[in-house]
Amino acid sequence: FKSVGLVPTAEIVELYNWSNGVTEDGGILLDDIH
């Protein structure tokens, strides 16, 4: 966040502590990652 000039809320930090979202592999169907 600092690298883009932002400060994350505690909730955002906690969200990314829980998971860094879905993999960025190509070929994954959107319906499979909802």
PDB file of all heavy atoms in Angstrom:
ATOM      1  N   PHE A   1       0.829  -1.208   0.000  1.00  0.00           N
ATOM      2  CA  PHE A   1       0.000   0.000   0.000  1.00  0.00           C
ATOM      3  C   PHE A   1       0.863   1.258   0.000  1.00  0.00           C
ATOM      4  O   PHE A   1       0.577   2.219  -0.713  1.00  0.00           O
ATOM      5  CB  PHE A   1      -0.963  -0.020   1.194  1.00  0.00           C
ATOM      6  CG  PHE A   1      -2.256  -0.713   0.906  1.00  0.00           C
ATOM      7  CD1 PHE A   1      -2.306  -2.092   0.790  1.00  0.00           C
ATOM      8  CD2 PHE A   1      -3.421   0.003   0.726  1.00  0.00           C
ATOM      9  CE1 PHE A   1      -3.490  -2.743   0.510  1.00  0.00           C
ATOM     10  CE2 PHE A   1      -4.619  -0.637   0.444  1.00  0.00           C
ATOM     11  CZ  PHE A   1      -4.656  -2.019   0.334  1.00  0.00           C
ATOM     12  N   LYS A   2       1.907   1.236   0.791  1.00  0.00           N
ATOM     13  CA  LYS A   2       2.815   2.390   0.851  1.00  0.00           C
ATOM     14  C   LYS A   2       3.417   2.674  -0.519  1.00  0.00           C
ATOM     15  O   LYS A   2       3.584   3.832  -0.906  1.00  0.00           O
ATOM     16  CB  LYS A   2       3.914   2.125   1.881  1.00  0.00           C
ATOM     17  CG  LYS A   2       4.792   3.308   2.160  1.00  0.00           C
ATOM     18  CD  LYS A   2       5.804   3.009   3.257  1.00  0.00           C
ATOM     19  CE  LYS A   2       6.676   4.214   3.511  1.00  0.00           C
ATOM     20  NZ  LYS A   2       7.673   3.964   4.557  1.00  0.00           N
ATOM     21  N   SER A   3       3.689   1.606  -1.294  1.00  0.00           N
ATOM     22  CA  SER A   3       4.300   1.784  -2.617  1.00  0.00           C
ATOM     23  C   SER A   3       3.383   2.516  -3.600  1.00  0.00           C
ATOM     24  O   SER A   3       3.851   3.060  -4.590  1.00  0.00           O
ATOM     25  CB  SER A   3       4.718   0.424  -3.205  1.00  0.00           C
ATOM     26  OG  SER A   3       3.585  -0.309  -3.651  1.00  0.00           O
ATOM     27  N   VAL A   4       2.076   2.522  -3.314  1.00  0.00           N
ATOM     28  CA  VAL A   4       1.136   3.249  -4.185  1.00  0.00           C
ATOM     29  C   VAL A   4       0.528   4.461  -3.467  1.00  0.00           C
ATOM     30  O   VAL A   4      -0.473   5.017  -3.910  1.00  0.00           O
ATOM     31  CB  VAL A   4       0.028   2.314  -4.743  1.00  0.00           C
ATOM     32  CG1 VAL A   4       0.607   1.309  -5.706  1.00  0.00           C
ATOM     33  CG2 VAL A   4      -0.763   1.636  -3.630  1.00  0.00           C
ATOM     34  N   GLY A   5       1.141   4.840  -2.344  1.00  0.00           N
ATOM     35  CA  GLY A   5       0.718   6.050  -1.649  1.00  0.00           C
ATOM     36  C   GLY A   5      -0.558   5.940  -0.851  1.00  0.00           C
ATOM     37  O   GLY A   5      -1.240   6.939  -0.635  1.00  0.00           O
ATOM     38  N   LEU A   6      -0.903   4.731  -0.403  1.00  0.00           N
ATOM     39  CA  LEU A   6      -2.125   4.524   0.374  1.00  0.00           C
ATOM     40  C   LEU A   6      -1.795   3.884   1.721  1.00  0.00           C
ATOM     41  O   LEU A   6      -0.741   3.273   1.888  1.00  0.00           O
ATOM     42  CB  LEU A   6      -3.106   3.630  -0.397  1.00  0.00           C
ATOM     43  CG  LEU A   6      -3.661   4.192  -1.697  1.00  0.00           C
ATOM     44  CD1 LEU A   6      -4.469   3.139  -2.442  1.00  0.00           C
ATOM     45  CD2 LEU A   6      -4.521   5.433  -1.433  1.00  0.00           C
ATOM     46  N   VAL A   7      -2.731   4.017   2.647  1.00  0.00           N
ATOM     47  CA  VAL A   7      -2.618   3.370   3.953  1.00  0.00           C
ATOM     48  C   VAL A   7      -3.816   2.431   4.085  1.00  0.00           C
ATOM     49  O   VAL A   7      -4.966   2.876   3.993  1.00  0.00           O
ATOM     50  CB  VAL A   7      -2.632   4.411   5.099  1.00  0.00           C
ATOM     51  CG1 VAL A   7      -2.612   3.720   6.450  1.00  0.00           C
ATOM     52  CG2 VAL A   7      -1.469   5.380   4.952  1.00  0.00           C
ATOM     53  N   PRO A   8      -3.577   1.124   4.268  1.00  0.00           N
ATOM     54  CA  PRO A   8      -4.702   0.192   4.364  1.00  0.00           C
ATOM     55  C   PRO A   8      -5.404   0.301   5.710  1.00  0.00           C
ATOM     56  O   PRO A   8      -4.785   0.630   6.722  1.00  0.00           O
ATOM     57  CB  PRO A   8      -4.028  -1.171   4.225  1.00  0.00           C
ATOM     58  CG  PRO A   8      -2.663  -0.968   4.821  1.00  0.00           C
ATOM     59  CD  PRO A   8      -2.287   0.447   4.439  1.00  0.00           C
ATOM     60  N   THR A   9      -6.694   0.038   5.724  1.00  0.00           N
ATOM     61  CA  THR A   9      -7.411  -0.076   6.997  1.00  0.00           C
ATOM     62  C   THR A   9      -7.021  -1.405   7.644  1.00  0.00           C
ATOM     63  O   THR A   9      -6.484  -2.305   6.985  1.00  0.00           O
ATOM     64  CB  THR A   9      -8.934  -0.074   6.776  1.00  0.00           C
ATOM     65  OG1 THR A   9      -9.287  -1.215   5.982  1.00  0.00           O
ATOM     66  CG2 THR A   9      -9.405   1.210   6.103  1.00  0.00           C
ATOM     67  N   ALA A  10      -7.330  -1.540   8.924  1.00  0.00           N
ATOM     68  CA  ALA A  10      -7.072  -2.795   9.627  1.00  0.00           C
ATOM     69  C   ALA A  10      -7.829  -3.941   8.956  1.00  0.00           C
ATOM     70  O   ALA A  10      -7.326  -5.069   8.876  1.00  0.00           O
ATOM     71  CB  ALA A  10      -7.467  -2.672  11.099  1.00  0.00           C
ATOM     72  N   GLU A  11      -9.039  -3.664   8.450  1.00  0.00           N
ATOM     73  CA  GLU A  11      -9.822  -4.702   7.763  1.00  0.00           C
ATOM     74  C   GLU A  11      -9.133  -5.199   6.497  1.00  0.00           C
ATOM     75  O   GLU A  11      -9.138  -6.398   6.215  1.00  0.00           O
ATOM     76  CB  GLU A  11     -11.211  -4.172   7.374  1.00  0.00           C
ATOM     77  CG  GLU A  11     -12.242  -4.247   8.437  1.00  0.00           C
ATOM     78  CD  GLU A  11     -13.632  -3.999   7.894  1.00  0.00           C
ATOM     79  OE1 GLU A  11     -13.775  -3.380   6.806  1.00  0.00           O
ATOM     80  OE2 GLU A  11     -14.581  -4.428   8.543  1.00  0.00           O
ATOM     81  N   ILE A  12      -8.565  -4.293   5.727  1.00  0.00           N
ATOM     82  CA  ILE A  12      -7.876  -4.708   4.498  1.00  0.00           C
ATOM     83  C   ILE A  12      -6.677  -5.573   4.839  1.00  0.00           C
ATOM     84  O   ILE A  12      -6.452  -6.614   4.206  1.00  0.00           O
ATOM     85  CB  ILE A  12      -7.453  -3.481   3.654  1.00  0.00           C
ATOM     86  CG1 ILE A  12      -8.680  -2.791   3.058  1.00  0.00           C
ATOM     87  CG2 ILE A  12      -6.493  -3.903   2.544  1.00  0.00           C
ATOM     88  CD1 ILE A  12      -8.376  -1.502   2.316  1.00  0.00           C
ATOM     89  N   VAL A  13      -5.918  -5.174   5.850  1.00  0.00           N
ATOM     90  CA  VAL A  13      -4.771  -5.978   6.272  1.00  0.00           C
ATOM     91  C   VAL A  13      -5.249  -7.366   6.688  1.00  0.00           C
ATOM     92  O   VAL A  13      -4.680  -8.382   6.292  1.00  0.00           O
ATOM     93  CB  VAL A  13      -3.990  -5.283   7.412  1.00  0.00           C
ATOM     94  CG1 VAL A  13      -2.912  -6.211   7.969  1.00  0.00           C
ATOM     95  CG2 VAL A  13      -3.378  -3.972   6.924  1.00  0.00           C
ATOM     96  N   GLU A  14      -6.327  -7.408   7.450  1.00  0.00           N
ATOM     97  CA  GLU A  14      -6.861  -8.693   7.911  1.00  0.00           C
ATOM     98  C   GLU A  14      -7.363  -9.551   6.743  1.00  0.00           C
ATOM     99  O   GLU A  14      -7.164 -10.766   6.729  1.00  0.00           O
ATOM    100  CB  GLU A  14      -7.992  -8.446   8.904  1.00  0.00           C
ATOM    101  CG  GLU A  14      -8.490  -9.711   9.566  1.00  0.00           C
ATOM    102  CD  GLU A  14      -9.505  -9.435  10.661  1.00  0.00           C
ATOM    103  OE1 GLU A  14      -9.670  -8.272  11.090  1.00  0.00           O
ATOM    104  OE2 GLU A  14     -10.145 -10.408  11.087  1.00  0.00           O
ATOM    105  N   LEU A  15      -7.999  -8.923   5.768  1.00  0.00           N
ATOM    106  CA  LEU A  15      -8.462  -9.658   4.583  1.00  0.00           C
ATOM    107  C   LEU A  15      -7.286 -10.330   3.885  1.00  0.00           C
ATOM    108  O   LEU A  15      -7.340 -11.517   3.556  1.00  0.00           O
ATOM    109  CB  LEU A  15      -9.181  -8.705   3.620  1.00  0.00           C
ATOM    110  CG  LEU A  15      -9.641  -9.298   2.289  1.00  0.00           C
ATOM    111  CD1 LEU A  15     -10.749 -10.326   2.496  1.00  0.00           C
ATOM    112  CD2 LEU A  15     -10.107  -8.187   1.343  1.00  0.00           C
ATOM    113  N   TYR A  16      -6.201  -9.576   3.664  1.00  0.00           N
ATOM    114  CA  TYR A  16      -5.039 -10.152   2.988  1.00  0.00           C
ATOM    115  C   TYR A  16      -4.238 -11.098   3.887  1.00  0.00           C
ATOM    116  O   TYR A  16      -3.527 -11.950   3.375  1.00  0.00           O
ATOM    117  CB  TYR A  16      -4.146  -9.057   2.402  1.00  0.00           C
ATOM    118  CG  TYR A  16      -4.759  -8.398   1.192  1.00  0.00           C
ATOM    119  CD1 TYR A  16      -5.068  -7.048   1.200  1.00  0.00           C
ATOM    120  CD2 TYR A  16      -5.043  -9.131   0.042  1.00  0.00           C
ATOM    121  CE1 TYR A  16      -5.637  -6.427   0.091  1.00  0.00           C
ATOM    122  CE2 TYR A  16      -5.612  -8.522  -1.071  1.00  0.00           C
ATOM    123  CZ  TYR A  16      -5.910  -7.179  -1.040  1.00  0.00           C
ATOM    124  OH  TYR A  16      -6.474  -6.573  -2.132  1.00  0.00           O
ATOM    125  N   ASN A  17      -4.372 -10.959   5.210  1.00  0.00           N
ATOM    126  CA  ASN A  17      -3.793 -11.960   6.114  1.00  0.00           C
ATOM    127  C   ASN A  17      -4.521 -13.288   5.930  1.00  0.00           C
ATOM    128  O   ASN A  17      -3.919 -14.360   5.988  1.00  0.00           O
ATOM    129  CB  ASN A  17      -3.936 -11.557   7.588  1.00  0.00           C
ATOM    130  CG  ASN A  17      -3.047 -10.414   8.039  1.00  0.00           C
ATOM    131  OD1 ASN A  17      -3.295  -9.837   9.086  1.00  0.00           O
ATOM    132  ND2 ASN A  17      -2.025 -10.054   7.294  1.00  0.00           N
ATOM    133  N   TRP A  18      -5.821 -13.212   5.708  1.00  0.00           N
ATOM    134  CA  TRP A  18      -6.662 -14.405   5.550  1.00  0.00           C
ATOM    135  C   TRP A  18      -6.374 -15.094   4.212  1.00  0.00           C
ATOM    136  O   TRP A  18      -6.219 -16.298   4.157  1.00  0.00           O
ATOM    137  CB  TRP A  18      -8.132 -14.006   5.684  1.00  0.00           C
ATOM    138  CG  TRP A  18      -9.082 -15.152   5.665  1.00  0.00           C
ATOM    139  CD1 TRP A  18      -9.401 -15.982   6.704  1.00  0.00           C
ATOM    140  CD2 TRP A  18      -9.863 -15.586   4.543  1.00  0.00           C
ATOM    141  NE1 TRP A  18     -10.322 -16.916   6.295  1.00  0.00           N
ATOM    142  CE2 TRP A  18     -10.619 -16.696   4.970  1.00  0.00           C
ATOM    143  CE3 TRP A  18      -9.986 -15.150   3.229  1.00  0.00           C
ATOM    144  CZ2 TRP A  18     -11.494 -17.375   4.127  1.00  0.00           C
ATOM    145  CZ3 TRP A  18     -10.855 -15.821   2.387  1.00  0.00           C
ATOM    146  CH2 TRP A  18     -11.596 -16.923   2.836  1.00  0.00           C
ATOM    147  N   SER A  19      -6.317 -14.302   3.141  1.00  0.00           N
ATOM    148  CA  SER A  19      -6.003 -14.846   1.814  1.00  0.00           C
ATOM    149  C   SER A  19      -5.569 -13.722   0.888  1.00  0.00           C
ATOM    150  O   SER A  19      -6.130 -12.624   0.930  1.00  0.00           O
ATOM    151  CB  SER A  19      -7.211 -15.550   1.196  1.00  0.00           C
ATOM    152  OG  SER A  19      -6.951 -15.925  -0.144  1.00  0.00           O
ATOM    153  N   ASN A  20      -4.619 -14.034   0.024  1.00  0.00           N
ATOM    154  CA  ASN A  20      -4.200 -13.087  -1.008  1.00  0.00           C
ATOM    155  C   ASN A  20      -5.001 -13.331  -2.285  1.00  0.00           C
ATOM    156  O   ASN A  20      -4.469 -13.370  -3.384  1.00  0.00           O
ATOM    157  CB  ASN A  20      -2.698 -13.198  -1.278  1.00  0.00           C
ATOM    158  CG  ASN A  20      -2.221 -12.156  -2.279  1.00  0.00           C
ATOM    159  OD1 ASN A  20      -2.824 -11.108  -2.434  1.00  0.00           O
ATOM    160  ND2 ASN A  20      -1.150 -12.469  -2.983  1.00  0.00           N
ATOM    161  N   GLY A  21      -6.296 -13.516  -2.142  1.00  0.00           N
ATOM    162  CA  GLY A  21      -7.178 -13.651  -3.301  1.00  0.00           C
ATOM    163  C   GLY A  21      -6.903 -14.900  -4.118  1.00  0.00           C
ATOM    164  O   GLY A  21      -6.208 -15.814  -3.681  1.00  0.00           O
ATOM    165  N   VAL A  22      -7.467 -14.921  -5.311  1.00  0.00           N
ATOM    166  CA  VAL A  22      -7.313 -16.088  -6.182  1.00  0.00           C
ATOM    167  C   VAL A  22      -6.040 -15.981  -7.006  1.00  0.00           C
ATOM    168  O   VAL A  22      -5.523 -14.889  -7.248  1.00  0.00           O
ATOM    169  CB  VAL A  22      -8.539 -16.294  -7.111  1.00  0.00           C
ATOM    170  CG1 VAL A  22      -9.793 -16.581  -6.306  1.00  0.00           C
ATOM    171  CG2 VAL A  22      -8.750 -15.113  -8.030  1.00  0.00           C
ATOM    172  N   THR A  23      -5.556 -17.135  -7.434  1.00  0.00           N
ATOM    173  CA  THR A  23      -4.369 -17.166  -8.287  1.00  0.00           C
ATOM    174  C   THR A  23      -4.657 -16.422  -9.581  1.00  0.00           C
ATOM    175  O   THR A  23      -5.799 -16.358 -10.031  1.00  0.00           O
ATOM    176  CB  THR A  23      -3.953 -18.607  -8.618  1.00  0.00           C
ATOM    177  OG1 THR A  23      -5.067 -19.266  -9.231  1.00  0.00           O
ATOM    178  CG2 THR A  23      -3.530 -19.372  -7.389  1.00  0.00           C
ATOM    179  N   GLU A  24      -3.629 -15.909 -10.186  1.00  0.00           N
ATOM    180  CA  GLU A  24      -3.787 -15.127 -11.416  1.00  0.00           C
ATOM    181  C   GLU A  24      -3.435 -15.963 -12.643  1.00  0.00           C
ATOM    182  O   GLU A  24      -2.957 -15.437 -13.637  1.00  0.00           O
ATOM    183  CB  GLU A  24      -2.926 -13.868 -11.320  1.00  0.00           C
ATOM    184  CG  GLU A  24      -3.354 -12.956 -10.191  1.00  0.00           C
ATOM    185  CD  GLU A  24      -2.434 -11.778  -9.987  1.00  0.00           C
ATOM    186  OE1 GLU A  24      -1.967 -11.199 -10.977  1.00  0.00           O
ATOM    187  OE2 GLU A  24      -2.189 -11.433  -8.828  1.00  0.00           O
ATOM    188  N   ASP A  25      -3.674 -17.255 -12.557  1.00  0.00           N
ATOM    189  CA  ASP A  25      -3.412 -18.147 -13.695  1.00  0.00           C
ATOM    190  C   ASP A  25      -4.415 -17.876 -14.811  1.00  0.00           C
ATOM    191  O   ASP A  25      -5.601 -17.693 -14.547  1.00  0.00           O
ATOM    192  CB  ASP A  25      -3.546 -19.619 -13.284  1.00  0.00           C
ATOM    193  CG  ASP A  25      -2.538 -20.009 -12.213  1.00  0.00           C
ATOM    194  OD1 ASP A  25      -1.506 -19.327 -12.121  1.00  0.00           O
ATOM    195  OD2 ASP A  25      -2.789 -20.978 -11.488  1.00  0.00           O
ATOM    196  N   GLY A  26      -3.942 -17.876 -16.030  1.00  0.00           N
ATOM    197  CA  GLY A  26      -4.848 -17.759 -17.160  1.00  0.00           C
ATOM    198  C   GLY A  26      -5.609 -19.066 -17.346  1.00  0.00           C
ATOM    199  O   GLY A  26      -5.193 -20.122 -16.878  1.00  0.00           O
ATOM    200  N   GLY A  27      -6.732 -18.992 -17.979  1.00  0.00           N
ATOM    201  CA  GLY A  27      -7.485 -20.198 -18.294  1.00  0.00           C
ATOM    202  C   GLY A  27      -8.459 -20.647 -17.226  1.00  0.00           C
ATOM    203  O   GLY A  27      -9.170 -21.628 -17.405  1.00  0.00           O
ATOM    204  N   ILE A  28      -8.518 -19.948 -16.097  1.00  0.00           N
ATOM    205  CA  ILE A  28      -9.480 -20.299 -15.054  1.00  0.00           C
ATOM    206  C   ILE A  28     -10.818 -19.652 -15.406  1.00  0.00           C
ATOM    207  O   ILE A  28     -10.882 -18.465 -15.725  1.00  0.00           O
ATOM    208  CB  ILE A  28      -9.016 -19.804 -13.667  1.00  0.00           C
ATOM    209  CG1 ILE A  28      -7.710 -20.475 -13.262  1.00  0.00           C
ATOM    210  CG2 ILE A  28     -10.085 -20.064 -12.611  1.00  0.00           C
ATOM    211  CD1 ILE A  28      -7.105 -19.928 -11.985  1.00  0.00           C
ATOM    212  N   LEU A  29     -11.881 -20.428 -15.351  1.00  0.00           N
ATOM    213  CA  LEU A  29     -13.208 -19.883 -15.618  1.00  0.00           C
ATOM    214  C   LEU A  29     -13.651 -19.000 -14.453  1.00  0.00           C
ATOM    215  O   LEU A  29     -13.498 -19.373 -13.289  1.00  0.00           O
ATOM    216  CB  LEU A  29     -14.213 -21.014 -15.818  1.00  0.00           C
ATOM    217  CG  LEU A  29     -13.958 -21.954 -16.993  1.00  0.00           C
ATOM    218  CD1 LEU A  29     -14.971 -23.099 -16.990  1.00  0.00           C
ATOM    219  CD2 LEU A  29     -14.032 -21.182 -18.302  1.00  0.00           C
ATOM    220  N   LEU A  30     -14.203 -17.841 -14.757  1.00  0.00           N
ATOM    221  CA  LEU A  30     -14.654 -16.932 -13.708  1.00  0.00           C
ATOM    222  C   LEU A  30     -15.664 -17.593 -12.785  1.00  0.00           C
ATOM    223  O   LEU A  30     -15.645 -17.370 -11.576  1.00  0.00           O
ATOM    224  CB  LEU A  30     -15.249 -15.660 -14.321  1.00  0.00           C
ATOM    225  CG  LEU A  30     -14.259 -14.687 -14.946  1.00  0.00           C
ATOM    226  CD1 LEU A  30     -14.994 -13.535 -15.610  1.00  0.00           C
ATOM    227  CD2 LEU A  30     -13.271 -14.163 -13.911  1.00  0.00           C
ATOM    228  N   ASP A  31     -16.559 -18.395 -13.338  1.00  0.00           N
ATOM    229  CA  ASP A  31     -17.568 -19.060 -12.503  1.00  0.00           C
ATOM    230  C   ASP A  31     -16.944 -19.999 -11.484  1.00  0.00           C
ATOM    231  O   ASP A  31     -17.570 -20.325 -10.480  1.00  0.00           O
ATOM    232  CB  ASP A  31     -18.562 -19.842 -13.378  1.00  0.00           C
ATOM    233  CG  ASP A  31     -19.452 -18.917 -14.186  1.00  0.00           C
ATOM    234  OD1 ASP A  31     -19.791 -17.823 -13.696  1.00  0.00           O
ATOM    235  OD2 ASP A  31     -19.801 -19.281 -15.328  1.00  0.00           O
ATOM    236  N   ASP A  32     -15.707 -20.428 -11.724  1.00  0.00           N
ATOM    237  CA  ASP A  32     -15.031 -21.347 -10.807  1.00  0.00           C
ATOM    238  C   ASP A  32     -14.297 -20.632  -9.676  1.00  0.00           C
ATOM    239  O   ASP A  32     -13.762 -21.287  -8.779  1.00  0.00           O
ATOM    240  CB  ASP A  32     -14.023 -22.223 -11.568  1.00  0.00           C
ATOM    241  CG  ASP A  32     -14.706 -23.272 -12.432  1.00  0.00           C
ATOM    242  OD1 ASP A  32     -15.923 -23.510 -12.246  1.00  0.00           O
ATOM    243  OD2 ASP A  32     -14.021 -23.855 -13.289  1.00  0.00           O
ATOM    244  N   ILE A  33     -14.253 -19.305  -9.711  1.00  0.00           N
ATOM    245  CA  ILE A  33     -13.532 -18.584  -8.669  1.00  0.00           C
ATOM    246  C   ILE A  33     -14.411 -17.574  -7.927  1.00  0.00           C
ATOM    247  O   ILE A  33     -13.913 -16.793  -7.114  1.00  0.00           O
ATOM    248  CB  ILE A  33     -12.265 -17.883  -9.221  1.00  0.00           C
ATOM    249  CG1 ILE A  33     -12.609 -16.912 -10.345  1.00  0.00           C
ATOM    250  CG2 ILE A  33     -11.221 -18.914  -9.643  1.00  0.00           C
ATOM    251  CD1 ILE A  33     -11.423 -16.052 -10.817  1.00  0.00           C
ATOM    252  N   HIS A  34     -15.719 -17.597  -8.157  1.00  0.00           N
ATOM    253  CA  HIS A  34     -16.585 -16.638  -7.478  1.00  0.00           C
ATOM    254  C   HIS A  34     -16.521 -16.831  -5.965  1.00  0.00           C
ATOM    255  O   HIS A  34     -16.598 -17.943  -5.458  1.00  0.00           O
ATOM    256  CB  HIS A  34     -18.022 -16.758  -7.973  1.00  0.00           C
ATOM    257  CG  HIS A  34     -18.211 -16.120  -9.309  1.00  0.00           C
ATOM    258  ND1 HIS A  34     -19.318 -16.337 -10.078  1.00  0.00           N
ATOM    259  CD2 HIS A  34     -17.436 -15.265 -10.021  1.00  0.00           C
ATOM    260  CE1 HIS A  34     -19.209 -15.648 -11.204  1.00  0.00           C
ATOM    261  NE2 HIS A  34     -18.071 -14.991 -11.188  1.00  0.00           N
TER     262      HIS A  34
END
